[in-house]
Amino acid sequence: MTGEVIADVGTETLVAIHRLYGAQSHFIDDGHAQAWAATFTADGEFHSPSYPAPVVGTEELTRFAERFFAGEGTTRHVLTNVYVESADTVSATVRAYLQIVHTPEGGASRLVRQTTIIDHLAFDGAWRIRRREVRRDDEPVSQSGEQQ
């Protein structure tokens, strides 16, 4: 991240990207696995240190979302501070904070993870995530800013 604020991202692009993130959170939390997977490109990638291997492609992303929803209680993805770091007509880079909050039936909500996501988006008539990198806030960070 350069620390510079970009001024050339159009309102239409910003709105479309914000709608993508809102829809994506609702899709996975409401059990719409195929719709969630469709927010990624067909060869989309999901990389997270919380899981043993990257999840790649529509079929794997769908199965991932199905497993996520299959747990007990209610889980919510709370995405904030969406920052479109760069964008042109066919690609964008977006950073955001993502909290995962779980509420067991009849119980108190608890923060499961606090993360930062870095997404590389592609535009093919709609914005979709080509590659998502998740960085957990509880993971050590090296001097270069990379998680270890």
N, C-alpha and C. Protein backbone atom coordinates (compact mmCIF):
# COMPACT_ATOMS: atom_id res chain seq x y z
N MET A 1 0.85 -1.17 0.00
CA MET A 1 0.00 0.00 0.00
C MET A 1 0.90 1.23 0.00
N THR A 2 0.62 2.13 -0.88
CA THR A 2 1.48 3.28 -1.08
C THR A 2 1.23 4.42 -0.11
N GLY A 3 0.09 4.47 0.51
CA GLY A 3 -0.24 5.56 1.40
C GLY A 3 -0.84 6.75 0.67
N GLU A 4 -0.95 6.65 -0.64
CA GLU A 4 -1.53 7.73 -1.43
C GLU A 4 -3.01 7.44 -1.67
N VAL A 5 -3.81 8.46 -1.61
CA VAL A 5 -5.24 8.33 -1.90
C VAL A 5 -5.42 8.56 -3.39
N ILE A 6 -6.08 7.63 -4.06
CA ILE A 6 -6.32 7.82 -5.49
C ILE A 6 -7.64 8.53 -5.69
N ALA A 7 -7.68 9.40 -6.67
CA ALA A 7 -8.88 10.21 -6.87
C ALA A 7 -9.60 9.85 -8.16
N ASP A 8 -9.09 8.91 -8.92
CA ASP A 8 -9.64 8.66 -10.24
C ASP A 8 -10.58 7.46 -10.34
N VAL A 9 -11.03 6.92 -9.22
CA VAL A 9 -11.98 5.81 -9.26
C VAL A 9 -13.38 6.42 -9.35
N GLY A 10 -14.09 6.08 -10.41
CA GLY A 10 -15.42 6.65 -10.61
C GLY A 10 -16.45 6.13 -9.63
N THR A 11 -17.46 6.92 -9.43
CA THR A 11 -18.54 6.57 -8.51
C THR A 11 -19.20 5.26 -8.89
N GLU A 12 -19.44 5.06 -10.17
CA GLU A 12 -20.09 3.82 -10.63
C GLU A 12 -19.25 2.59 -10.27
N THR A 13 -17.94 2.69 -10.44
CA THR A 13 -17.04 1.59 -10.07
C THR A 13 -17.07 1.34 -8.58
N LEU A 14 -16.99 2.41 -7.78
CA LEU A 14 -17.01 2.26 -6.33
C LEU A 14 -18.31 1.61 -5.85
N VAL A 15 -19.43 2.05 -6.39
CA VAL A 15 -20.72 1.48 -5.99
C VAL A 15 -20.78 0.00 -6.36
N ALA A 16 -20.35 -0.34 -7.56
CA ALA A 16 -20.40 -1.74 -8.00
C ALA A 16 -19.51 -2.62 -7.12
N ILE A 17 -18.35 -2.13 -6.75
CA ILE A 17 -17.44 -2.91 -5.90
C ILE A 17 -18.02 -3.05 -4.50
N HIS A 18 -18.59 -2.01 -3.95
CA HIS A 18 -19.22 -2.11 -2.63
C HIS A 18 -20.40 -3.09 -2.66
N ARG A 19 -21.17 -3.06 -3.73
CA ARG A 19 -22.29 -4.02 -3.86
C ARG A 19 -21.77 -5.45 -3.93
N LEU A 20 -20.66 -5.67 -4.62
CA LEU A 20 -20.04 -7.00 -4.69
C LEU A 20 -19.74 -7.51 -3.28
N TYR A 21 -19.12 -6.66 -2.47
CA TYR A 21 -18.74 -7.10 -1.12
C TYR A 21 -19.95 -7.32 -0.22
N GLY A 22 -20.94 -6.47 -0.31
CA GLY A 22 -22.16 -6.68 0.48
C GLY A 22 -22.85 -7.98 0.10
N ALA A 23 -22.98 -8.20 -1.21
CA ALA A 23 -23.63 -9.43 -1.68
C ALA A 23 -22.83 -10.65 -1.24
N GLN A 24 -21.53 -10.59 -1.38
CA GLN A 24 -20.69 -11.74 -1.05
C GLN A 24 -20.86 -12.15 0.42
N SER A 25 -20.86 -11.18 1.31
CA SER A 25 -21.03 -11.50 2.74
C SER A 25 -22.39 -12.14 3.01
N HIS A 26 -23.44 -11.59 2.43
CA HIS A 26 -24.77 -12.16 2.62
C HIS A 26 -24.87 -13.55 2.00
N PHE A 27 -24.29 -13.75 0.83
CA PHE A 27 -24.38 -15.06 0.17
C PHE A 27 -23.77 -16.16 1.05
N ILE A 28 -22.55 -15.96 1.54
CA ILE A 28 -21.92 -17.03 2.32
C ILE A 28 -22.62 -17.21 3.66
N ASP A 29 -23.07 -16.11 4.29
CA ASP A 29 -23.73 -16.22 5.59
C ASP A 29 -25.12 -16.84 5.50
N ASP A 30 -25.79 -16.68 4.36
CA ASP A 30 -27.14 -17.21 4.18
C ASP A 30 -27.17 -18.58 3.50
N GLY A 31 -26.00 -19.15 3.23
CA GLY A 31 -25.93 -20.49 2.65
C GLY A 31 -26.10 -20.55 1.14
N HIS A 32 -25.89 -19.45 0.46
CA HIS A 32 -26.01 -19.43 -1.01
C HIS A 32 -24.61 -19.66 -1.60
N ALA A 33 -24.15 -20.90 -1.49
CA ALA A 33 -22.77 -21.24 -1.85
C ALA A 33 -22.46 -20.96 -3.32
N GLN A 34 -23.36 -21.33 -4.22
CA GLN A 34 -23.10 -21.11 -5.65
C GLN A 34 -23.05 -19.62 -5.97
N ALA A 35 -23.93 -18.84 -5.37
CA ALA A 35 -23.92 -17.39 -5.60
C ALA A 35 -22.63 -16.78 -5.04
N TRP A 36 -22.19 -17.26 -3.88
CA TRP A 36 -20.92 -16.77 -3.31
C TRP A 36 -19.77 -17.10 -4.24
N ALA A 37 -19.70 -18.33 -4.71
CA ALA A 37 -18.62 -18.74 -5.61
C ALA A 37 -18.65 -17.92 -6.90
N ALA A 38 -19.83 -17.53 -7.35
CA ALA A 38 -19.96 -16.75 -8.58
C ALA A 38 -19.45 -15.31 -8.42
N THR A 39 -19.14 -14.88 -7.18
CA THR A 39 -18.54 -13.57 -7.00
C THR A 39 -17.05 -13.60 -7.32
N PHE A 40 -16.53 -14.79 -7.60
CA PHE A 40 -15.15 -14.97 -8.03
C PHE A 40 -15.16 -15.27 -9.53
N THR A 41 -14.04 -15.04 -10.19
CA THR A 41 -13.90 -15.47 -11.58
C THR A 41 -13.92 -17.01 -11.60
N ALA A 42 -14.12 -17.59 -12.77
CA ALA A 42 -14.20 -19.06 -12.88
C ALA A 42 -12.93 -19.74 -12.35
N ASP A 43 -11.80 -19.06 -12.47
CA ASP A 43 -10.54 -19.61 -11.97
C ASP A 43 -10.09 -18.87 -10.70
N GLY A 44 -11.05 -18.24 -10.02
CA GLY A 44 -10.75 -17.44 -8.84
C GLY A 44 -10.04 -18.22 -7.76
N GLU A 45 -9.24 -17.49 -6.97
CA GLU A 45 -8.43 -18.10 -5.91
C GLU A 45 -8.72 -17.45 -4.57
N PHE A 46 -8.76 -18.28 -3.53
CA PHE A 46 -8.96 -17.83 -2.15
C PHE A 46 -7.79 -18.37 -1.34
N HIS A 47 -6.95 -17.49 -0.83
CA HIS A 47 -5.76 -17.88 -0.06
C HIS A 47 -5.92 -17.35 1.36
N SER A 48 -5.85 -18.25 2.35
CA SER A 48 -5.97 -17.84 3.74
C SER A 48 -5.12 -18.74 4.62
N PRO A 49 -4.39 -18.16 5.58
CA PRO A 49 -3.62 -18.99 6.50
C PRO A 49 -4.51 -19.80 7.45
N SER A 50 -5.81 -19.54 7.46
CA SER A 50 -6.73 -20.29 8.31
C SER A 50 -7.05 -21.66 7.74
N TYR A 51 -6.70 -21.89 6.47
CA TYR A 51 -7.03 -23.14 5.79
C TYR A 51 -5.76 -23.74 5.20
N PRO A 52 -5.70 -25.08 5.09
CA PRO A 52 -4.45 -25.73 4.71
C PRO A 52 -3.98 -25.48 3.27
N ALA A 53 -4.89 -25.16 2.37
CA ALA A 53 -4.49 -24.98 0.97
C ALA A 53 -5.39 -23.94 0.32
N PRO A 54 -4.90 -23.31 -0.73
CA PRO A 54 -5.77 -22.37 -1.46
C PRO A 54 -7.00 -23.08 -2.03
N VAL A 55 -8.08 -22.32 -2.16
CA VAL A 55 -9.31 -22.82 -2.77
C VAL A 55 -9.37 -22.15 -4.14
N VAL A 56 -9.45 -22.97 -5.21
CA VAL A 56 -9.34 -22.44 -6.57
C VAL A 56 -10.45 -22.98 -7.45
N GLY A 57 -11.10 -22.09 -8.18
CA GLY A 57 -12.12 -22.47 -9.15
C GLY A 57 -13.51 -22.54 -8.55
N THR A 58 -14.50 -22.41 -9.41
CA THR A 58 -15.90 -22.33 -8.98
C THR A 58 -16.34 -23.54 -8.16
N GLU A 59 -15.98 -24.73 -8.59
CA GLU A 59 -16.42 -25.94 -7.89
C GLU A 59 -15.86 -26.00 -6.47
N GLU A 60 -14.56 -25.75 -6.32
CA GLU A 60 -13.95 -25.78 -4.99
C GLU A 60 -14.48 -24.65 -4.11
N LEU A 61 -14.66 -23.46 -4.70
CA LEU A 61 -15.20 -22.33 -3.93
C LEU A 61 -16.62 -22.63 -3.44
N THR A 62 -17.43 -23.27 -4.28
CA THR A 62 -18.79 -23.64 -3.88
C THR A 62 -18.76 -24.61 -2.70
N ARG A 63 -17.93 -25.66 -2.81
CA ARG A 63 -17.82 -26.64 -1.71
C ARG A 63 -17.33 -25.97 -0.43
N PHE A 64 -16.37 -25.05 -0.56
CA PHE A 64 -15.85 -24.32 0.60
C PHE A 64 -16.98 -23.57 1.30
N ALA A 65 -17.79 -22.85 0.54
CA ALA A 65 -18.90 -22.07 1.12
C ALA A 65 -19.95 -23.00 1.73
N GLU A 66 -20.20 -24.15 1.12
CA GLU A 66 -21.16 -25.11 1.69
C GLU A 66 -20.68 -25.59 3.05
N ARG A 67 -19.39 -25.93 3.16
CA ARG A 67 -18.84 -26.40 4.43
C ARG A 67 -18.90 -25.29 5.49
N PHE A 68 -18.62 -24.06 5.06
CA PHE A 68 -18.65 -22.94 5.99
C PHE A 68 -20.04 -22.76 6.59
N PHE A 69 -21.06 -22.86 5.77
CA PHE A 69 -22.44 -22.64 6.22
C PHE A 69 -22.97 -23.81 7.05
N ALA A 70 -22.39 -24.98 6.92
CA ALA A 70 -22.92 -26.19 7.55
C ALA A 70 -22.77 -26.21 9.07
N GLY A 71 -22.03 -25.29 9.65
CA GLY A 71 -21.84 -25.27 11.10
C GLY A 71 -23.11 -24.86 11.84
N GLU A 72 -23.09 -25.02 13.15
CA GLU A 72 -24.23 -24.64 13.97
C GLU A 72 -24.16 -23.17 14.34
N GLY A 73 -25.29 -22.60 14.65
CA GLY A 73 -25.34 -21.20 15.02
C GLY A 73 -25.33 -20.31 13.79
N THR A 74 -25.03 -19.04 14.01
CA THR A 74 -25.01 -18.05 12.93
C THR A 74 -23.64 -17.42 12.85
N THR A 75 -23.11 -17.35 11.64
CA THR A 75 -21.83 -16.69 11.41
C THR A 75 -22.06 -15.52 10.47
N ARG A 76 -21.43 -14.41 10.77
CA ARG A 76 -21.54 -13.22 9.95
C ARG A 76 -20.15 -12.74 9.53
N HIS A 77 -20.05 -12.37 8.27
CA HIS A 77 -18.85 -11.73 7.74
C HIS A 77 -19.12 -10.23 7.74
N VAL A 78 -18.34 -9.48 8.52
CA VAL A 78 -18.54 -8.04 8.65
C VAL A 78 -17.35 -7.36 7.97
N LEU A 79 -17.61 -6.83 6.79
CA LEU A 79 -16.56 -6.22 5.98
C LEU A 79 -16.63 -4.70 6.12
N THR A 80 -15.51 -4.09 6.47
CA THR A 80 -15.47 -2.64 6.66
C THR A 80 -14.23 -2.04 6.00
N ASN A 81 -14.18 -0.73 5.98
CA ASN A 81 -13.02 0.02 5.51
C ASN A 81 -12.57 -0.44 4.13
N VAL A 82 -13.53 -0.58 3.23
CA VAL A 82 -13.23 -0.99 1.86
C VAL A 82 -12.49 0.16 1.17
N TYR A 83 -11.29 -0.13 0.68
CA TYR A 83 -10.45 0.87 0.04
C TYR A 83 -10.04 0.36 -1.34
N VAL A 84 -10.55 0.99 -2.37
CA VAL A 84 -10.16 0.63 -3.74
C VAL A 84 -8.81 1.31 -3.96
N GLU A 85 -7.77 0.52 -3.88
CA GLU A 85 -6.41 1.03 -3.94
C GLU A 85 -6.04 1.46 -5.36
N SER A 86 -6.51 0.71 -6.35
CA SER A 86 -6.28 1.07 -7.74
C SER A 86 -7.39 0.43 -8.57
N ALA A 87 -7.71 1.08 -9.69
CA ALA A 87 -8.74 0.53 -10.57
C ALA A 87 -8.60 1.13 -11.95
N ASP A 88 -8.88 0.31 -12.95
CA ASP A 88 -9.03 0.80 -14.31
C ASP A 88 -10.28 0.13 -14.87
N THR A 89 -10.43 0.03 -16.16
CA THR A 89 -11.68 -0.50 -16.71
C THR A 89 -11.79 -2.01 -16.61
N VAL A 90 -10.70 -2.73 -16.35
CA VAL A 90 -10.76 -4.20 -16.33
C VAL A 90 -10.20 -4.84 -15.07
N SER A 91 -9.59 -4.05 -14.17
CA SER A 91 -9.02 -4.65 -12.96
C SER A 91 -9.02 -3.63 -11.83
N ALA A 92 -8.96 -4.17 -10.62
CA ALA A 92 -8.91 -3.32 -9.43
C ALA A 92 -8.21 -4.10 -8.32
N THR A 93 -7.62 -3.35 -7.41
CA THR A 93 -7.05 -3.92 -6.20
C THR A 93 -7.77 -3.26 -5.03
N VAL A 94 -8.28 -4.11 -4.12
CA VAL A 94 -9.10 -3.63 -3.01
C VAL A 94 -8.56 -4.21 -1.71
N ARG A 95 -8.50 -3.37 -0.69
CA ARG A 95 -8.15 -3.80 0.66
C ARG A 95 -9.34 -3.52 1.57
N ALA A 96 -9.55 -4.38 2.55
CA ALA A 96 -10.65 -4.17 3.49
C ALA A 96 -10.36 -4.96 4.76
N TYR A 97 -11.07 -4.62 5.82
CA TYR A 97 -11.02 -5.38 7.06
C TYR A 97 -12.21 -6.32 7.08
N LEU A 98 -11.98 -7.54 7.52
CA LEU A 98 -13.04 -8.53 7.59
C LEU A 98 -13.04 -9.16 8.98
N GLN A 99 -14.16 -9.00 9.67
CA GLN A 99 -14.37 -9.66 10.96
C GLN A 99 -15.30 -10.84 10.72
N ILE A 100 -15.00 -11.95 11.35
CA ILE A 100 -15.90 -13.09 11.32
C ILE A 100 -16.43 -13.25 12.74
N VAL A 101 -17.76 -13.11 12.87
CA VAL A 101 -18.42 -13.14 14.17
C VAL A 101 -19.35 -14.35 14.20
N HIS A 102 -19.26 -15.14 15.27
CA HIS A 102 -20.13 -16.32 15.40
C HIS A 102 -21.04 -16.17 16.62
N THR A 103 -22.30 -16.54 16.44
CA THR A 103 -23.27 -16.53 17.53
C THR A 103 -23.90 -17.92 17.62
N PRO A 104 -23.59 -18.67 18.68
CA PRO A 104 -24.26 -19.96 18.85
C PRO A 104 -25.72 -19.73 19.21
N GLU A 105 -26.57 -20.67 18.86
CA GLU A 105 -27.99 -20.53 19.18
C GLU A 105 -28.16 -20.33 20.68
N GLY A 106 -28.81 -19.22 21.05
CA GLY A 106 -29.05 -18.91 22.45
C GLY A 106 -27.83 -18.39 23.19
N GLY A 107 -26.71 -18.16 22.48
CA GLY A 107 -25.49 -17.74 23.15
C GLY A 107 -25.05 -16.34 22.75
N ALA A 108 -23.94 -15.94 23.31
CA ALA A 108 -23.38 -14.62 23.04
C ALA A 108 -22.50 -14.66 21.80
N SER A 109 -22.50 -13.57 21.06
CA SER A 109 -21.64 -13.45 19.88
C SER A 109 -20.19 -13.34 20.32
N ARG A 110 -19.30 -13.85 19.46
CA ARG A 110 -17.86 -13.72 19.73
C ARG A 110 -17.13 -13.50 18.42
N LEU A 111 -16.07 -12.72 18.49
CA LEU A 111 -15.23 -12.48 17.34
C LEU A 111 -14.36 -13.71 17.12
N VAL A 112 -14.49 -14.34 15.96
CA VAL A 112 -13.71 -15.53 15.63
C VAL A 112 -12.35 -15.12 15.06
N ARG A 113 -12.36 -14.19 14.11
CA ARG A 113 -11.14 -13.72 13.48
C ARG A 113 -11.29 -12.26 13.06
N GLN A 114 -10.19 -11.55 13.13
CA GLN A 114 -10.08 -10.21 12.55
C GLN A 114 -9.00 -10.32 11.49
N THR A 115 -9.34 -9.94 10.26
CA THR A 115 -8.41 -10.11 9.16
C THR A 115 -8.37 -8.86 8.28
N THR A 116 -7.38 -8.83 7.43
CA THR A 116 -7.31 -7.87 6.33
C THR A 116 -7.36 -8.69 5.06
N ILE A 117 -8.18 -8.27 4.10
CA ILE A 117 -8.21 -8.95 2.82
C ILE A 117 -7.62 -8.02 1.76
N ILE A 118 -6.92 -8.63 0.83
CA ILE A 118 -6.39 -7.92 -0.33
C ILE A 118 -6.92 -8.69 -1.53
N ASP A 119 -7.77 -8.03 -2.29
CA ASP A 119 -8.42 -8.67 -3.44
C ASP A 119 -7.93 -8.05 -4.74
N HIS A 120 -7.76 -8.92 -5.71
CA HIS A 120 -7.45 -8.51 -7.07
C HIS A 120 -8.70 -8.86 -7.88
N LEU A 121 -9.35 -7.83 -8.40
CA LEU A 121 -10.62 -8.00 -9.10
C LEU A 121 -10.43 -7.92 -10.61
N ALA A 122 -11.36 -8.55 -11.32
CA ALA A 122 -11.42 -8.47 -12.78
C ALA A 122 -12.83 -8.05 -13.16
N PHE A 123 -12.94 -7.30 -14.25
CA PHE A 123 -14.24 -6.85 -14.74
C PHE A 123 -14.52 -7.52 -16.07
N ASP A 124 -15.66 -8.24 -16.13
CA ASP A 124 -16.09 -8.91 -17.36
C ASP A 124 -17.57 -8.63 -17.61
N GLY A 125 -17.97 -7.40 -17.34
CA GLY A 125 -19.39 -7.03 -17.35
C GLY A 125 -19.89 -6.89 -15.93
N ALA A 126 -19.18 -7.51 -14.99
CA ALA A 126 -19.42 -7.38 -13.56
C ALA A 126 -18.06 -7.55 -12.87
N TRP A 127 -17.92 -6.92 -11.71
CA TRP A 127 -16.69 -7.09 -10.94
C TRP A 127 -16.72 -8.44 -10.24
N ARG A 128 -15.61 -9.17 -10.33
CA ARG A 128 -15.45 -10.47 -9.66
C ARG A 128 -14.04 -10.54 -9.07
N ILE A 129 -13.92 -11.36 -8.05
CA ILE A 129 -12.61 -11.52 -7.40
C ILE A 129 -11.81 -12.58 -8.15
N ARG A 130 -10.63 -12.18 -8.60
CA ARG A 130 -9.72 -13.10 -9.28
C ARG A 130 -8.83 -13.80 -8.25
N ARG A 131 -8.41 -13.05 -7.24
CA ARG A 131 -7.55 -13.62 -6.20
C ARG A 131 -7.79 -12.87 -4.90
N ARG A 132 -8.06 -13.62 -3.84
CA ARG A 132 -8.20 -13.05 -2.50
C ARG A 132 -7.08 -13.57 -1.63
N GLU A 133 -6.42 -12.65 -0.96
CA GLU A 133 -5.39 -12.99 0.03
C GLU A 133 -5.90 -12.51 1.38
N VAL A 134 -5.97 -13.42 2.33
CA VAL A 134 -6.43 -13.08 3.68
C VAL A 134 -5.22 -13.05 4.60
N ARG A 135 -5.12 -12.00 5.39
CA ARG A 135 -4.07 -11.89 6.39
C ARG A 135 -4.72 -11.77 7.75
N ARG A 136 -4.42 -12.72 8.60
CA ARG A 136 -4.97 -12.70 9.96
C ARG A 136 -4.22 -11.69 10.80
N ASP A 137 -4.95 -10.94 11.61
CA ASP A 137 -4.33 -9.94 12.46
C ASP A 137 -3.53 -10.57 13.61
N ASP A 138 -3.79 -11.84 13.91
CA ASP A 138 -3.06 -12.50 14.99
C ASP A 138 -1.81 -13.24 14.49
N GLU A 139 -1.47 -13.10 13.22
CA GLU A 139 -0.27 -13.72 12.66
C GLU A 139 0.88 -12.72 12.71
N PRO A 140 2.09 -13.19 12.98
CA PRO A 140 3.23 -12.27 13.00
C PRO A 140 3.48 -11.67 11.61
N VAL A 141 3.97 -10.43 11.59
CA VAL A 141 4.30 -9.75 10.34
C VAL A 141 5.79 -9.45 10.35
N SER A 142 6.46 -9.72 9.21
CA SER A 142 7.89 -9.47 9.11
C SER A 142 8.16 -7.98 8.92
N GLN A 143 9.43 -7.61 8.91
CA GLN A 143 9.82 -6.21 8.68
C GLN A 143 9.33 -5.70 7.33
N SER A 144 9.23 -6.59 6.33
CA SER A 144 8.81 -6.19 5.00
C SER A 144 7.28 -6.03 4.90
N GLY A 145 6.58 -6.39 5.98
CA GLY A 145 5.13 -6.27 5.98
C GLY A 145 4.42 -7.54 5.57
N GLU A 146 5.17 -8.60 5.25
CA GLU A 146 4.58 -9.88 4.87
C GLU A 146 4.33 -10.72 6.11
N GLN A 147 3.23 -11.49 6.10
CA GLN A 147 2.98 -12.40 7.22
C GLN A 147 3.92 -13.58 7.11
N GLN A 148 4.35 -14.05 8.28
CA GLN A 148 5.28 -15.17 8.33
C GLN A 148 4.54 -16.47 8.46
